[in-house]
């Protein structure tokens, strides 16, 4: 059974920083892209940032220059460093991994349970 476990969310004042972590565990053959998505109340889930196994990154325009995504392939872990946080960054943040759990099957998307980030003004 594959699990994605997130940590690092919390409450922070505007202008502050948080670092999210997400570790994938279980039977994993390979992980292609990993990423972070977020969903604010009453809104659809949106992409925040993704990173490939080769280290190529992609960011939503709203977080460029403030957030940095990175990963440790040896630990199957992805990180999101969030600086200069704004109240509009308040959302539940979800980890995503696009991966194969067996050779020749997939890859499929797997999701974490979400971690709350709240930014006060």
PDB file of N, CA and C in Angstrom:
ATOM      1  N   UNK A   1       0.848  -1.178   0.000  1.00  0.00           N
ATOM      2  CA  UNK A   1       0.000   0.000   0.000  1.00  0.00           C
ATOM      3  C   UNK A   1       0.894   1.241   0.000  1.00  0.00           C
ATOM      4  N   UNK A   2       0.566   2.184  -0.868  1.00  0.00           N
ATOM      5  CA  UNK A   2       1.349   3.405  -0.979  1.00  0.00           C
ATOM      6  C   UNK A   2       0.728   4.498  -0.126  1.00  0.00           C
ATOM      7  N   UNK A   3       1.568   5.239   0.560  1.00  0.00           N
ATOM      8  CA  UNK A   3       1.106   6.380   1.349  1.00  0.00           C
ATOM      9  C   UNK A   3       1.941   7.606   1.034  1.00  0.00           C
ATOM     10  N   UNK A   4       1.266   8.747   0.993  1.00  0.00           N
ATOM     11  CA  UNK A   4       1.940  10.041   0.917  1.00  0.00           C
ATOM     12  C   UNK A   4       1.577  10.778   2.195  1.00  0.00           C
ATOM     13  N   UNK A   5       2.576  11.083   2.992  1.00  0.00           N
ATOM     14  CA  UNK A   5       2.333  11.714   4.284  1.00  0.00           C
ATOM     15  C   UNK A   5       2.938  13.104   4.290  1.00  0.00           C
ATOM     16  N   UNK A   6       2.070  14.097   4.468  1.00  0.00           N
ATOM     17  CA  UNK A   6       2.494  15.500   4.466  1.00  0.00           C
ATOM     18  C   UNK A   6       2.700  15.994   5.886  1.00  0.00           C
ATOM     19  N   UNK A   7       3.541  17.001   6.014  1.00  0.00           N
ATOM     20  CA  UNK A   7       3.755  17.660   7.295  1.00  0.00           C
ATOM     21  C   UNK A   7       4.232  19.083   7.040  1.00  0.00           C
ATOM     22  N   UNK A   8       4.125  19.913   8.077  1.00  0.00           N
ATOM     23  CA  UNK A   8       4.687  21.255   7.998  1.00  0.00           C
ATOM     24  C   UNK A   8       3.689  22.375   7.871  1.00  0.00           C
ATOM     25  N   UNK A   9       2.409  22.072   7.762  1.00  0.00           N
ATOM     26  CA  UNK A   9       1.419  23.135   7.677  1.00  0.00           C
ATOM     27  C   UNK A   9       1.252  23.832   9.017  1.00  0.00           C
ATOM     28  N   UNK A  10       0.466  24.907   9.006  1.00  0.00           N
ATOM     29  CA  UNK A  10       0.222  25.624  10.241  1.00  0.00           C
ATOM     30  C   UNK A  10      -0.282  27.025   9.981  1.00  0.00           C
ATOM     31  N   UNK A  11      -0.277  27.816  11.059  1.00  0.00           N
ATOM     32  CA  UNK A  11      -0.736  29.204  11.003  1.00  0.00           C
ATOM     33  C   UNK A  11       0.479  30.121  11.040  1.00  0.00           C
ATOM     34  N   UNK A  12       0.502  31.097  10.149  1.00  0.00           N
ATOM     35  CA  UNK A  12       1.629  32.016  10.078  1.00  0.00           C
ATOM     36  C   UNK A  12       1.105  33.403   9.696  1.00  0.00           C
ATOM     37  N   UNK A  13       1.807  34.431  10.111  1.00  0.00           N
ATOM     38  CA  UNK A  13       1.425  35.789   9.729  1.00  0.00           C
ATOM     39  C   UNK A  13       1.887  36.094   8.312  1.00  0.00           C
ATOM     40  N   UNK A  14       1.211  37.020   7.681  1.00  0.00           N
ATOM     41  CA  UNK A  14       1.605  37.460   6.344  1.00  0.00           C
ATOM     42  C   UNK A  14       3.071  37.895   6.345  1.00  0.00           C
ATOM     43  N   UNK A  15       3.778  37.471   5.311  1.00  0.00           N
ATOM     44  CA  UNK A  15       5.203  37.752   5.214  1.00  0.00           C
ATOM     45  C   UNK A  15       6.079  36.663   5.794  1.00  0.00           C
ATOM     46  N   UNK A  16       5.463  35.731   6.488  1.00  0.00           N
ATOM     47  CA  UNK A  16       6.216  34.643   7.110  1.00  0.00           C
ATOM     48  C   UNK A  16       6.508  33.506   6.148  1.00  0.00           C
ATOM     49  N   UNK A  17       7.089  32.443   6.710  1.00  0.00           N
ATOM     50  CA  UNK A  17       7.515  31.295   5.912  1.00  0.00           C
ATOM     51  C   UNK A  17       7.053  29.991   6.545  1.00  0.00           C
ATOM     52  N   UNK A  18       6.855  29.010   5.700  1.00  0.00           N
ATOM     53  CA  UNK A  18       6.579  27.635   6.122  1.00  0.00           C
ATOM     54  C   UNK A  18       7.269  26.696   5.145  1.00  0.00           C
ATOM     55  N   UNK A  19       7.584  25.498   5.629  1.00  0.00           N
ATOM     56  CA  UNK A  19       8.154  24.469   4.765  1.00  0.00           C
ATOM     57  C   UNK A  19       7.315  23.210   4.883  1.00  0.00           C
ATOM     58  N   UNK A  20       6.773  22.783   3.765  1.00  0.00           N
ATOM     59  CA  UNK A  20       5.989  21.553   3.716  1.00  0.00           C
ATOM     60  C   UNK A  20       6.878  20.398   3.255  1.00  0.00           C
ATOM     61  N   UNK A  21       6.596  19.226   3.806  1.00  0.00           N
ATOM     62  CA  UNK A  21       7.287  18.012   3.397  1.00  0.00           C
ATOM     63  C   UNK A  21       6.267  16.947   3.065  1.00  0.00           C
ATOM     64  N   UNK A  22       6.624  16.061   2.149  1.00  0.00           N
ATOM     65  CA  UNK A  22       5.751  14.937   1.785  1.00  0.00           C
ATOM     66  C   UNK A  22       6.621  13.744   1.458  1.00  0.00           C
ATOM     67  N   UNK A  23       6.429  12.676   2.212  1.00  0.00           N
ATOM     68  CA  UNK A  23       7.207  11.460   2.009  1.00  0.00           C
ATOM     69  C   UNK A  23       6.318  10.355   1.476  1.00  0.00           C
ATOM     70  N   UNK A  24       6.752   9.724   0.405  1.00  0.00           N
ATOM     71  CA  UNK A  24       6.053   8.578  -0.166  1.00  0.00           C
ATOM     72  C   UNK A  24       6.647   7.300   0.397  1.00  0.00           C
ATOM     73  N   UNK A  25       5.771   6.378   0.804  1.00  0.00           N
ATOM     74  CA  UNK A  25       6.252   5.109   1.360  1.00  0.00           C
ATOM     75  C   UNK A  25       5.388   3.965   0.852  1.00  0.00           C
ATOM     76  N   UNK A  26       5.905   2.748   1.001  1.00  0.00           N
ATOM     77  CA  UNK A  26       5.190   1.570   0.544  1.00  0.00           C
ATOM     78  C   UNK A  26       5.897   0.956  -0.650  1.00  0.00           C
ATOM     79  N   UNK A  27       5.141   0.195  -1.431  1.00  0.00           N
ATOM     80  CA  UNK A  27       5.699  -0.455  -2.609  1.00  0.00           C
ATOM     81  C   UNK A  27       5.749   0.570  -3.739  1.00  0.00           C
ATOM     82  N   UNK A  28       6.959   0.980  -4.119  1.00  0.00           N
ATOM     83  CA  UNK A  28       7.153   1.990  -5.147  1.00  0.00           C
ATOM     84  C   UNK A  28       8.191   1.504  -6.126  1.00  0.00           C
ATOM     85  N   UNK A  29       7.822   1.429  -7.400  1.00  0.00           N
ATOM     86  CA  UNK A  29       8.792   1.057  -8.419  1.00  0.00           C
ATOM     87  C   UNK A  29       9.553   2.285  -8.906  1.00  0.00           C
ATOM     88  N   UNK A  30       8.821   3.339  -9.241  1.00  0.00           N
ATOM     89  CA  UNK A  30       9.462   4.577  -9.686  1.00  0.00           C
ATOM     90  C   UNK A  30       8.511   5.744  -9.520  1.00  0.00           C
ATOM     91  N   UNK A  31       9.090   6.925  -9.273  1.00  0.00           N
ATOM     92  CA  UNK A  31       8.305   8.149  -9.156  1.00  0.00           C
ATOM     93  C   UNK A  31       8.726   9.100 -10.266  1.00  0.00           C
ATOM     94  N   UNK A  32       7.808   9.502 -11.070  1.00  0.00           N
ATOM     95  CA  UNK A  32       8.097  10.482 -12.119  1.00  0.00           C
ATOM     96  C   UNK A  32       8.026  11.877 -11.499  1.00  0.00           C
ATOM     97  N   UNK A  33       6.941  12.561 -11.677  1.00  0.00           N
ATOM     98  CA  UNK A  33       6.809  13.900 -11.123  1.00  0.00           C
ATOM     99  C   UNK A  33       6.201  13.849  -9.722  1.00  0.00           C
ATOM    100  N   UNK A  34       6.574  14.815  -8.924  1.00  0.00           N
ATOM    101  CA  UNK A  34       5.940  15.050  -7.625  1.00  0.00           C
ATOM    102  C   UNK A  34       5.526  16.515  -7.595  1.00  0.00           C
ATOM    103  N   UNK A  35       4.544  16.813  -6.784  1.00  0.00           N
ATOM    104  CA  UNK A  35       4.115  18.204  -6.778  1.00  0.00           C
ATOM    105  C   UNK A  35       3.203  18.538  -5.624  1.00  0.00           C
ATOM    106  N   UNK A  36       2.841  19.799  -5.588  1.00  0.00           N
ATOM    107  CA  UNK A  36       1.931  20.328  -4.584  1.00  0.00           C
ATOM    108  C   UNK A  36       0.765  21.028  -5.274  1.00  0.00           C
ATOM    109  N   UNK A  37      -0.412  20.780  -4.743  1.00  0.00           N
ATOM    110  CA  UNK A  37      -1.624  21.441  -5.183  1.00  0.00           C
ATOM    111  C   UNK A  37      -2.293  22.024  -3.943  1.00  0.00           C
ATOM    112  N   UNK A  38      -3.200  22.949  -4.152  1.00  0.00           N
ATOM    113  CA  UNK A  38      -3.908  23.523  -3.007  1.00  0.00           C
ATOM    114  C   UNK A  38      -5.360  23.778  -3.351  1.00  0.00           C
ATOM    115  N   UNK A  39      -6.175  23.790  -2.300  1.00  0.00           N
ATOM    116  CA  UNK A  39      -7.594  24.052  -2.479  1.00  0.00           C
ATOM    117  C   UNK A  39      -8.070  24.955  -1.353  1.00  0.00           C
ATOM    118  N   UNK A  40      -8.515  26.132  -1.737  1.00  0.00           N
ATOM    119  CA  UNK A  40      -9.074  27.080  -0.786  1.00  0.00           C
ATOM    120  C   UNK A  40     -10.577  26.851  -0.674  1.00  0.00           C
ATOM    121  N   UNK A  41     -11.195  27.273   0.425  1.00  0.00           N
ATOM    122  CA  UNK A  41     -12.638  27.080   0.588  1.00  0.00           C
ATOM    123  C   UNK A  41     -13.417  27.665  -0.579  1.00  0.00           C
ATOM    124  N   UNK A  42     -14.312  26.853  -1.134  1.00  0.00           N
ATOM    125  CA  UNK A  42     -15.164  27.313  -2.222  1.00  0.00           C
ATOM    126  C   UNK A  42     -14.494  27.386  -3.570  1.00  0.00           C
ATOM    127  N   UNK A  43     -13.235  26.939  -3.649  1.00  0.00           N
ATOM    128  CA  UNK A  43     -12.507  27.007  -4.925  1.00  0.00           C
ATOM    129  C   UNK A  43     -12.057  25.619  -5.360  1.00  0.00           C
ATOM    130  N   UNK A  44     -11.708  25.518  -6.630  1.00  0.00           N
ATOM    131  CA  UNK A  44     -11.208  24.248  -7.150  1.00  0.00           C
ATOM    132  C   UNK A  44      -9.744  24.043  -6.748  1.00  0.00           C
ATOM    133  N   UNK A  45      -9.340  22.794  -6.723  1.00  0.00           N
ATOM    134  CA  UNK A  45      -7.945  22.487  -6.462  1.00  0.00           C
ATOM    135  C   UNK A  45      -7.100  23.023  -7.607  1.00  0.00           C
ATOM    136  N   UNK A  46      -5.970  23.637  -7.261  1.00  0.00           N
ATOM    137  CA  UNK A  46      -5.105  24.221  -8.285  1.00  0.00           C
ATOM    138  C   UNK A  46      -3.657  23.802  -8.082  1.00  0.00           C
ATOM    139  N   UNK A  47      -2.928  23.793  -9.175  1.00  0.00           N
ATOM    140  CA  UNK A  47      -1.514  23.450  -9.123  1.00  0.00           C
ATOM    141  C   UNK A  47      -0.739  24.573  -8.442  1.00  0.00           C
ATOM    142  N   UNK A  48       0.203  24.180  -7.591  1.00  0.00           N
ATOM    143  CA  UNK A  48       1.121  25.144  -6.974  1.00  0.00           C
ATOM    144  C   UNK A  48       2.499  25.008  -7.620  1.00  0.00           C
ATOM    145  N   UNK A  49       3.042  23.789  -7.603  1.00  0.00           N
ATOM    146  CA  UNK A  49       4.363  23.561  -8.172  1.00  0.00           C
ATOM    147  C   UNK A  49       4.558  22.071  -8.398  1.00  0.00           C
ATOM    148  N   UNK A  50       5.348  21.734  -9.425  1.00  0.00           N
ATOM    149  CA  UNK A  50       5.705  20.355  -9.686  1.00  0.00           C
ATOM    150  C   UNK A  50       7.199  20.261  -9.962  1.00  0.00           C
ATOM    151  N   UNK A  51       7.735  19.051  -9.785  1.00  0.00           N
ATOM    152  CA  UNK A  51       9.139  18.799 -10.059  1.00  0.00           C
ATOM    153  C   UNK A  51       9.275  17.390 -10.601  1.00  0.00           C
ATOM    154  N   UNK A  52      10.039  17.242 -11.677  1.00  0.00           N
ATOM    155  CA  UNK A  52      10.240  15.928 -12.274  1.00  0.00           C
ATOM    156  C   UNK A  52      11.369  15.187 -11.559  1.00  0.00           C
ATOM    157  N   UNK A  53      11.534  13.925 -11.906  1.00  0.00           N
ATOM    158  CA  UNK A  53      12.630  13.162 -11.305  1.00  0.00           C
ATOM    159  C   UNK A  53      13.981  13.695 -11.736  1.00  0.00           C
ATOM    160  N   UNK A  54      14.011  14.444 -12.837  1.00  0.00           N
ATOM    161  CA  UNK A  54      15.244  15.065 -13.292  1.00  0.00           C
ATOM    162  C   UNK A  54      15.495  16.441 -12.708  1.00  0.00           C
ATOM    163  N   UNK A  55      14.518  16.958 -11.958  1.00  0.00           N
ATOM    164  CA  UNK A  55      14.696  18.249 -11.300  1.00  0.00           C
ATOM    165  C   UNK A  55      14.081  19.435 -12.008  1.00  0.00           C
ATOM    166  N   UNK A  56      13.397  19.217 -13.127  1.00  0.00           N
ATOM    167  CA  UNK A  56      12.714  20.326 -13.802  1.00  0.00           C
ATOM    168  C   UNK A  56      11.502  20.744 -12.991  1.00  0.00           C
ATOM    169  N   UNK A  57      11.327  22.055 -12.851  1.00  0.00           N
ATOM    170  CA  UNK A  57      10.257  22.577 -12.012  1.00  0.00           C
ATOM    171  C   UNK A  57       9.264  23.410 -12.812  1.00  0.00           C
ATOM    172  N   UNK A  58       8.066  23.507 -12.246  1.00  0.00           N
ATOM    173  CA  UNK A  58       7.006  24.315 -12.841  1.00  0.00           C
ATOM    174  C   UNK A  58       6.223  24.935 -11.696  1.00  0.00           C
ATOM    175  N   UNK A  59       5.913  26.228 -11.816  1.00  0.00           N
ATOM    176  CA  UNK A  59       5.221  26.945 -10.748  1.00  0.00           C
ATOM    177  C   UNK A  59       3.986  27.669 -11.279  1.00  0.00           C
ATOM    178  N   UNK A  60       2.987  27.785 -10.424  1.00  0.00           N
ATOM    179  CA  UNK A  60       1.878  28.673 -10.727  1.00  0.00           C
ATOM    180  C   UNK A  60       2.400  30.108 -10.696  1.00  0.00           C
ATOM    181  N   UNK A  61       1.837  30.949 -11.553  1.00  0.00           N
ATOM    182  CA  UNK A  61       2.292  32.344 -11.604  1.00  0.00           C
ATOM    183  C   UNK A  61       2.163  33.032 -10.246  1.00  0.00           C
ATOM    184  N   UNK A  62       1.148  32.656  -9.494  1.00  0.00           N
ATOM    185  CA  UNK A  62       0.875  33.330  -8.226  1.00  0.00           C
ATOM    186  C   UNK A  62       1.929  33.065  -7.156  1.00  0.00           C
ATOM    187  N   UNK A  63       2.756  32.041  -7.351  1.00  0.00           N
ATOM    188  CA  UNK A  63       3.753  31.715  -6.325  1.00  0.00           C
ATOM    189  C   UNK A  63       5.188  31.859  -6.814  1.00  0.00           C
ATOM    190  N   UNK A  64       5.362  32.173  -8.080  1.00  0.00           N
ATOM    191  CA  UNK A  64       6.713  32.315  -8.623  1.00  0.00           C
ATOM    192  C   UNK A  64       7.490  33.384  -7.862  1.00  0.00           C
ATOM    193  N   UNK A  65       8.729  33.056  -7.527  1.00  0.00           N
ATOM    194  CA  UNK A  65       9.574  33.983  -6.787  1.00  0.00           C
ATOM    195  C   UNK A  65       9.391  33.921  -5.284  1.00  0.00           C
ATOM    196  N   UNK A  66       8.347  33.242  -4.823  1.00  0.00           N
ATOM    197  CA  UNK A  66       8.091  33.123  -3.380  1.00  0.00           C
ATOM    198  C   UNK A  66       8.214  31.686  -2.881  1.00  0.00           C
ATOM    199  N   UNK A  67       7.804  30.723  -3.696  1.00  0.00           N
ATOM    200  CA  UNK A  67       7.829  29.318  -3.309  1.00  0.00           C
ATOM    201  C   UNK A  67       8.932  28.595  -4.075  1.00  0.00           C
ATOM    202  N   UNK A  68       9.522  27.600  -3.425  1.00  0.00           N
ATOM    203  CA  UNK A  68      10.535  26.771  -4.071  1.00  0.00           C
ATOM    204  C   UNK A  68      10.232  25.302  -3.793  1.00  0.00           C
ATOM    205  N   UNK A  69      10.129  24.519  -4.855  1.00  0.00           N
ATOM    206  CA  UNK A  69       9.904  23.084  -4.717  1.00  0.00           C
ATOM    207  C   UNK A  69      11.227  22.359  -4.907  1.00  0.00           C
ATOM    208  N   UNK A  70      11.430  21.310  -4.132  1.00  0.00           N
ATOM    209  CA  UNK A  70      12.629  20.492  -4.262  1.00  0.00           C
ATOM    210  C   UNK A  70      12.276  19.061  -3.884  1.00  0.00           C
ATOM    211  N   UNK A  71      13.165  18.126  -4.188  1.00  0.00           N
ATOM    212  CA  UNK A  71      12.889  16.731  -3.836  1.00  0.00           C
ATOM    213  C   UNK A  71      14.180  16.000  -3.538  1.00  0.00           C
ATOM    214  N   UNK A  72      14.038  14.971  -2.720  1.00  0.00           N
ATOM    215  CA  UNK A  72      15.133  14.060  -2.393  1.00  0.00           C
ATOM    216  C   UNK A  72      14.719  12.708  -2.939  1.00  0.00           C
ATOM    217  N   UNK A  73      15.261  12.327  -4.083  1.00  0.00           N
ATOM    218  CA  UNK A  73      14.849  11.084  -4.722  1.00  0.00           C
ATOM    219  C   UNK A  73      15.182   9.858  -3.866  1.00  0.00           C
ATOM    220  N   UNK A  74      16.265   9.918  -3.144  1.00  0.00           N
ATOM    221  CA  UNK A  74      16.661   8.779  -2.310  1.00  0.00           C
ATOM    222  C   UNK A  74      15.653   8.540  -1.184  1.00  0.00           C
ATOM    223  N   UNK A  75      14.986   9.602  -0.763  1.00  0.00           N
ATOM    224  CA  UNK A  75      14.017   9.494   0.335  1.00  0.00           C
ATOM    225  C   UNK A  75      12.576   9.527  -0.166  1.00  0.00           C
ATOM    226  N   UNK A  76      12.383   9.599  -1.483  1.00  0.00           N
ATOM    227  CA  UNK A  76      11.030   9.706  -2.050  1.00  0.00           C
ATOM    228  C   UNK A  76      10.246  10.838  -1.387  1.00  0.00           C
ATOM    229  N   UNK A  77      10.900  11.953  -1.214  1.00  0.00           N
ATOM    230  CA  UNK A  77      10.318  13.078  -0.486  1.00  0.00           C
ATOM    231  C   UNK A  77      10.374  14.350  -1.329  1.00  0.00           C
ATOM    232  N   UNK A  78       9.296  15.109  -1.253  1.00  0.00           N
ATOM    233  CA  UNK A  78       9.226  16.395  -1.924  1.00  0.00           C
ATOM    234  C   UNK A  78       8.975  17.473  -0.883  1.00  0.00           C
ATOM    235  N   UNK A  79       9.544  18.642  -1.114  1.00  0.00           N
ATOM    236  CA  UNK A  79       9.438  19.760  -0.187  1.00  0.00           C
ATOM    237  C   UNK A  79       8.865  20.977  -0.905  1.00  0.00           C
ATOM    238  N   UNK A  80       8.250  21.851  -0.114  1.00  0.00           N
ATOM    239  CA  UNK A  80       7.799  23.132  -0.644  1.00  0.00           C
ATOM    240  C   UNK A  80       8.171  24.209   0.370  1.00  0.00           C
ATOM    241  N   UNK A  81       9.142  25.023   0.021  1.00  0.00           N
ATOM    242  CA  UNK A  81       9.524  26.153   0.853  1.00  0.00           C
ATOM    243  C   UNK A  81       8.686  27.350   0.431  1.00  0.00           C
ATOM    244  N   UNK A  82       7.926  27.868   1.373  1.00  0.00           N
ATOM    245  CA  UNK A  82       7.000  28.960   1.078  1.00  0.00           C
ATOM    246  C   UNK A  82       7.443  30.203   1.852  1.00  0.00           C
ATOM    247  N   UNK A  83       7.850  31.224   1.133  1.00  0.00           N
ATOM    248  CA  UNK A  83       8.279  32.489   1.726  1.00  0.00           C
ATOM    249  C   UNK A  83       7.325  33.607   1.336  1.00  0.00           C
ATOM    250  N   UNK A  84       7.417  34.705   2.063  1.00  0.00           N
ATOM    251  CA  UNK A  84       6.574  35.879   1.776  1.00  0.00           C
ATOM    252  C   UNK A  84       5.108  35.483   1.624  1.00  0.00           C
ATOM    253  N   UNK A  85       4.633  34.713   2.553  1.00  0.00           N
ATOM    254  CA  UNK A  85       3.263  34.197   2.465  1.00  0.00           C
ATOM    255  C   UNK A  85       2.235  35.318   2.537  1.00  0.00           C
ATOM    256  N   UNK A  86       1.148  35.126   1.819  1.00  0.00           N
ATOM    257  CA  UNK A  86       0.056  36.099   1.745  1.00  0.00           C
ATOM    258  C   UNK A  86      -1.233  35.428   2.238  1.00  0.00           C
ATOM    259  N   UNK A  87      -2.194  36.213   2.695  1.00  0.00           N
ATOM    260  CA  UNK A  87      -3.468  35.609   3.121  1.00  0.00           C
ATOM    261  C   UNK A  87      -4.119  34.778   2.011  1.00  0.00           C
ATOM    262  N   UNK A  88      -3.922  35.156   0.773  1.00  0.00           N
ATOM    263  CA  UNK A  88      -4.521  34.387  -0.322  1.00  0.00           C
ATOM    264  C   UNK A  88      -3.840  33.043  -0.555  1.00  0.00           C
ATOM    265  N   UNK A  89      -2.757  32.770   0.149  1.00  0.00           N
ATOM    266  CA  UNK A  89      -2.138  31.440   0.101  1.00  0.00           C
ATOM    267  C   UNK A  89      -2.822  30.456   1.044  1.00  0.00           C
ATOM    268  N   UNK A  90      -3.752  30.941   1.830  1.00  0.00           N
ATOM    269  CA  UNK A  90      -4.478  30.076   2.759  1.00  0.00           C
ATOM    270  C   UNK A  90      -5.257  29.016   2.000  1.00  0.00           C
ATOM    271  N   UNK A  91      -5.009  27.753   2.345  1.00  0.00           N
ATOM    272  CA  UNK A  91      -5.645  26.631   1.647  1.00  0.00           C
ATOM    273  C   UNK A  91      -5.199  25.322   2.304  1.00  0.00           C
ATOM    274  N   UNK A  92      -5.834  24.246   1.886  1.00  0.00           N
ATOM    275  CA  UNK A  92      -5.313  22.919   2.203  1.00  0.00           C
ATOM    276  C   UNK A  92      -4.357  22.540   1.069  1.00  0.00           C
ATOM    277  N   UNK A  93      -3.156  22.177   1.438  1.00  0.00           N
ATOM    278  CA  UNK A  93      -2.127  21.826   0.460  1.00  0.00           C
ATOM    279  C   UNK A  93      -2.013  20.303   0.365  1.00  0.00           C
ATOM    280  N   UNK A  94      -2.069  19.807  -0.867  1.00  0.00           N
ATOM    281  CA  UNK A  94      -2.031  18.366  -1.127  1.00  0.00           C
ATOM    282  C   UNK A  94      -0.767  17.998  -1.893  1.00  0.00           C
ATOM    283  N   UNK A  95      -0.151  16.941  -1.448  1.00  0.00           N
ATOM    284  CA  UNK A  95       1.003  16.382  -2.141  1.00  0.00           C
ATOM    285  C   UNK A  95       0.513  15.417  -3.216  1.00  0.00           C
ATOM    286  N   UNK A  96       1.200  15.408  -4.343  1.00  0.00           N
ATOM    287  CA  UNK A  96       0.874  14.511  -5.441  1.00  0.00           C
ATOM    288  C   UNK A  96       2.133  13.815  -5.924  1.00  0.00           C
ATOM    289  N   UNK A  97       2.000  12.535  -6.247  1.00  0.00           N
ATOM    290  CA  UNK A  97       3.107  11.797  -6.847  1.00  0.00           C
ATOM    291  C   UNK A  97       2.577  11.018  -8.041  1.00  0.00           C
ATOM    292  N   UNK A  98       3.265  11.160  -9.174  1.00  0.00           N
ATOM    293  CA  UNK A  98       2.898  10.452 -10.403  1.00  0.00           C
ATOM    294  C   UNK A  98       3.872   9.297 -10.515  1.00  0.00           C
ATOM    295  N   UNK A  99       3.409   8.076 -10.208  1.00  0.00           N
ATOM    296  CA  UNK A  99       4.385   6.998 -10.038  1.00  0.00           C
ATOM    297  C   UNK A  99       3.853   5.629 -10.408  1.00  0.00           C
ATOM    298  N   UNK A 100       4.793   4.703 -10.545  1.00  0.00           N
ATOM    299  CA  UNK A 100       4.507   3.296 -10.790  1.00  0.00           C
ATOM    300  C   UNK A 100       4.817   2.524  -9.507  1.00  0.00           C
ATOM    301  N   UNK A 101       3.887   1.643  -9.141  1.00  0.00           N
ATOM    302  CA  UNK A 101       4.184   0.775  -8.005  1.00  0.00           C
ATOM    303  C   UNK A 101       4.660  -0.588  -8.484  1.00  0.00           C
ATOM    304  N   UNK A 102       4.453  -0.889  -9.779  1.00  0.00           N
ATOM    305  CA  UNK A 102       4.973  -2.104 -10.376  1.00  0.00           C
ATOM    306  C   UNK A 102       5.499  -1.772 -11.759  1.00  0.00           C
ATOM    307  N   UNK A 103       6.506  -2.505 -12.213  1.00  0.00           N
ATOM    308  CA  UNK A 103       7.048  -2.304 -13.557  1.00  0.00           C
ATOM    309  C   UNK A 103       5.954  -2.558 -14.586  1.00  0.00           C
ATOM    310  N   UNK A 104       5.831  -1.611 -15.517  1.00  0.00           N
ATOM    311  CA  UNK A 104       4.890  -1.798 -16.612  1.00  0.00           C
ATOM    312  C   UNK A 104       3.458  -1.422 -16.315  1.00  0.00           C
ATOM    313  N   UNK A 105       3.183  -0.997 -15.102  1.00  0.00           N
ATOM    314  CA  UNK A 105       1.828  -0.594 -14.711  1.00  0.00           C
ATOM    315  C   UNK A 105       1.839   0.882 -14.360  1.00  0.00           C
ATOM    316  N   UNK A 106       0.998   1.645 -15.023  1.00  0.00           N
ATOM    317  CA  UNK A 106       0.913   3.076 -14.749  1.00  0.00           C
ATOM    318  C   UNK A 106       1.860   3.873 -15.618  1.00  0.00           C
ATOM    319  N   UNK A 107       2.236   5.087 -15.209  1.00  0.00           N
ATOM    320  CA  UNK A 107       2.112   5.631 -13.855  1.00  0.00           C
ATOM    321  C   UNK A 107       0.727   6.191 -13.547  1.00  0.00           C
ATOM    322  N   UNK A 108       0.404   6.241 -12.283  1.00  0.00           N
ATOM    323  CA  UNK A 108      -0.853   6.788 -11.799  1.00  0.00           C
ATOM    324  C   UNK A 108      -0.580   7.880 -10.775  1.00  0.00           C
ATOM    325  N   UNK A 109      -1.606   8.680 -10.533  1.00  0.00           N
ATOM    326  CA  UNK A 109      -1.504   9.748  -9.542  1.00  0.00           C
ATOM    327  C   UNK A 109      -1.903   9.247  -8.158  1.00  0.00           C
ATOM    328  N   UNK A 110      -1.110   9.624  -7.177  1.00  0.00           N
ATOM    329  CA  UNK A 110      -1.410   9.332  -5.781  1.00  0.00           C
ATOM    330  C   UNK A 110      -1.412  10.654  -5.024  1.00  0.00           C
ATOM    331  N   UNK A 111      -2.272  10.726  -3.985  1.00  0.00           N
ATOM    332  CA  UNK A 111      -2.453  11.973  -3.261  1.00  0.00           C
ATOM    333  C   UNK A 111      -2.265  11.773  -1.766  1.00  0.00           C
ATOM    334  N   UNK A 112      -1.741  12.811  -1.118  1.00  0.00           N
ATOM    335  CA  UNK A 112      -1.698  12.831   0.333  1.00  0.00           C
ATOM    336  C   UNK A 112      -3.033  13.278   0.896  1.00  0.00           C
ATOM    337  N   UNK A 113      -3.113  13.302   2.226  1.00  0.00           N
ATOM    338  CA  UNK A 113      -4.369  13.628   2.889  1.00  0.00           C
ATOM    339  C   UNK A 113      -4.587  15.136   3.016  1.00  0.00           C
ATOM    340  N   UNK A 114      -3.553  15.906   2.779  1.00  0.00           N
ATOM    341  CA  UNK A 114      -3.664  17.363   2.842  1.00  0.00           C
ATOM    342  C   UNK A 114      -3.179  17.918   4.164  1.00  0.00           C
ATOM    343  N   UNK A 115      -2.616  19.106   4.105  1.00  0.00           N
ATOM    344  CA  UNK A 115      -2.179  19.807   5.312  1.00  0.00           C
ATOM    345  C   UNK A 115      -2.637  21.264   5.207  1.00  0.00           C
ATOM    346  N   UNK A 116      -3.170  21.790   6.296  1.00  0.00           N
ATOM    347  CA  UNK A 116      -3.747  23.127   6.276  1.00  0.00           C
ATOM    348  C   UNK A 116      -2.657  24.182   6.432  1.00  0.00           C
ATOM    349  N   UNK A 117      -2.722  25.183   5.576  1.00  0.00           N
ATOM    350  CA  UNK A 117      -1.867  26.370   5.699  1.00  0.00           C
ATOM    351  C   UNK A 117      -2.796  27.576   5.839  1.00  0.00           C
ATOM    352  N   UNK A 118      -2.610  28.334   6.911  1.00  0.00           N
ATOM    353  CA  UNK A 118      -3.425  29.521   7.152  1.00  0.00           C
ATOM    354  C   UNK A 118      -2.503  30.720   7.345  1.00  0.00           C
ATOM    355  N   UNK A 119      -2.756  31.772   6.588  1.00  0.00           N
ATOM    356  CA  UNK A 119      -1.928  32.977   6.654  1.00  0.00           C
ATOM    357  C   UNK A 119      -2.804  34.138   7.114  1.00  0.00           C
ATOM    358  N   UNK A 120      -2.458  34.702   8.242  1.00  0.00           N
ATOM    359  CA  UNK A 120      -3.247  35.818   8.794  1.00  0.00           C
ATOM    360  C   UNK A 120      -2.671  37.155   8.323  1.00  0.00           C
ATOM    361  N   UNK A 121      -3.560  38.114   8.179  1.00  0.00           N
ATOM    362  CA  UNK A 121      -3.131  39.445   7.702  1.00  0.00           C
ATOM    363  C   UNK A 121      -2.722  40.351   8.847  1.00  0.00           C
TER     364      UNK A 121
END
